[in-house]
């Protein structure tokens, strides 16, 4: 029987939780239960190799992946900034990076 690793990720907090599951079926069942408890949590079941070096590489990969997601979220939060430009018609937003608006109002 193929063992599996359940990875639970809390997007936004950078928190990861992994647990070895006895089988892929049990992992998938746990995944459904977690989704019912909190839909914001992301879960993933991966086949588990007996090779610990492989398991470490998989964990490292997902740690790096989560760091990338966090950086993207940070950039999205910063993207809400804008530049004041009195030549822009009041109420209009010029979609540049960053957006330009008239701040005189």
Protein backbone atom coordinates (compact mmCIF):
# COMPACT_ATOMS: atom_id res chain seq x y z
CA UNK A 1 0.00 0.00 0.00
CA UNK A 2 1.31 3.45 -0.93
CA UNK A 3 1.80 5.81 1.97
CA UNK A 4 0.99 9.49 1.54
CA UNK A 5 1.96 12.82 3.04
CA UNK A 6 -0.81 15.30 3.84
CA UNK A 7 0.25 18.93 3.54
CA UNK A 8 -2.01 21.60 5.02
CA UNK A 9 -1.26 25.23 4.12
CA UNK A 10 -2.79 28.35 5.64
CA UNK A 11 -2.50 30.95 2.89
CA UNK A 12 -1.66 34.36 4.29
CA UNK A 13 0.00 33.12 7.44
CA UNK A 14 2.72 31.00 5.86
CA UNK A 15 1.89 28.16 8.23
CA UNK A 16 2.42 24.64 6.90
CA UNK A 17 1.57 21.37 8.59
CA UNK A 18 2.56 17.97 7.26
CA UNK A 19 1.62 14.54 8.50
CA UNK A 20 2.42 11.07 7.19
CA UNK A 21 -0.73 9.11 6.38
CA UNK A 22 -0.92 5.31 6.21
CA UNK A 23 -2.52 5.35 2.75
CA UNK A 24 -3.53 7.68 -0.05
CA UNK A 25 -7.22 6.89 0.61
CA UNK A 26 -6.93 7.97 4.25
CA UNK A 27 -5.11 11.11 3.16
CA UNK A 28 -7.87 12.02 0.72
CA UNK A 29 -10.51 11.37 3.41
CA UNK A 30 -8.64 13.67 5.82
CA UNK A 31 -8.37 16.30 3.09
CA UNK A 32 -12.18 16.37 2.74
CA UNK A 33 -12.66 16.66 6.51
CA UNK A 34 -10.22 19.57 6.71
CA UNK A 35 -11.98 21.39 3.86
CA UNK A 36 -15.29 21.01 5.69
CA UNK A 37 -13.80 22.56 8.84
CA UNK A 38 -12.07 25.52 7.19
CA UNK A 39 -12.41 26.21 3.45
CA UNK A 40 -9.55 28.73 3.53
CA UNK A 41 -7.02 25.99 4.26
CA UNK A 42 -5.39 24.40 1.24
CA UNK A 43 -4.55 20.71 1.41
CA UNK A 44 -2.52 18.40 -0.77
CA UNK A 45 -1.88 14.65 -0.67
CA UNK A 46 1.43 13.47 -2.07
CA UNK A 47 2.70 9.94 -2.51
CA UNK A 48 5.23 9.24 0.20
CA UNK A 49 8.55 7.69 -0.65
CA UNK A 50 10.43 5.77 1.96
CA UNK A 51 13.51 7.75 1.00
CA UNK A 52 13.82 10.49 3.65
CA UNK A 53 16.04 12.58 1.35
CA UNK A 54 13.20 12.70 -1.20
CA UNK A 55 10.72 13.69 1.50
CA UNK A 56 12.98 16.53 2.61
CA UNK A 57 13.24 17.78 -0.97
CA UNK A 58 9.45 17.77 -1.32
CA UNK A 59 9.03 19.71 1.94
CA UNK A 60 11.72 22.19 0.86
CA UNK A 61 9.98 22.65 -2.49
CA UNK A 62 6.66 23.46 -0.86
CA UNK A 63 8.30 25.79 1.66
CA UNK A 64 9.82 27.73 -1.24
CA UNK A 65 6.49 27.66 -3.07
CA UNK A 66 4.72 29.16 -0.05
CA UNK A 67 7.38 31.88 0.19
CA UNK A 68 6.68 32.76 -3.44
CA UNK A 69 2.93 32.94 -2.74
CA UNK A 70 3.57 35.24 0.22
CA UNK A 71 5.71 37.56 -1.93
CA UNK A 72 2.97 37.71 -4.56
CA UNK A 73 0.39 38.57 -1.90
CA UNK A 74 2.65 41.32 -0.52
CA UNK A 75 3.04 42.81 -4.01
CA UNK A 76 -0.74 42.69 -4.52
CA UNK A 77 -1.25 44.57 -1.24
CA UNK A 78 1.26 47.23 -2.29
CA UNK A 79 -0.40 47.55 -5.69
CA UNK A 80 -3.32 49.43 -4.14
CA UNK A 81 -1.15 52.55 -3.87
CA UNK A 82 -1.72 55.33 -6.40
CA UNK A 83 -0.12 58.48 -7.77
CA UNK A 84 -1.85 61.87 -7.54
CA UNK A 85 -2.06 63.60 -10.91
CA UNK A 86 -4.07 66.84 -11.19
CA UNK A 87 -4.28 66.43 -15.00
CA UNK A 88 -6.55 63.39 -14.56
CA UNK A 89 -10.30 64.08 -14.75
CA UNK A 90 -11.79 63.84 -11.22
CA UNK A 91 -13.38 60.44 -10.62
CA UNK A 92 -11.34 58.79 -13.38
CA UNK A 93 -8.60 56.23 -12.67
CA UNK A 94 -5.79 55.86 -15.19
CA UNK A 95 -4.79 52.18 -15.08
CA UNK A 96 -1.01 52.44 -14.99
CA UNK A 97 1.39 50.94 -12.51
CA UNK A 98 0.73 52.46 -10.03
CA UNK A 99 -2.70 53.84 -10.95
CA UNK A 100 -3.06 57.63 -11.38
CA UNK A 101 -5.99 59.58 -9.91
CA UNK A 102 -6.89 63.20 -9.27
CA UNK A 103 -6.34 63.85 -5.53
CA UNK A 104 -7.55 67.49 -5.59
CA UNK A 105 -11.11 66.55 -4.63
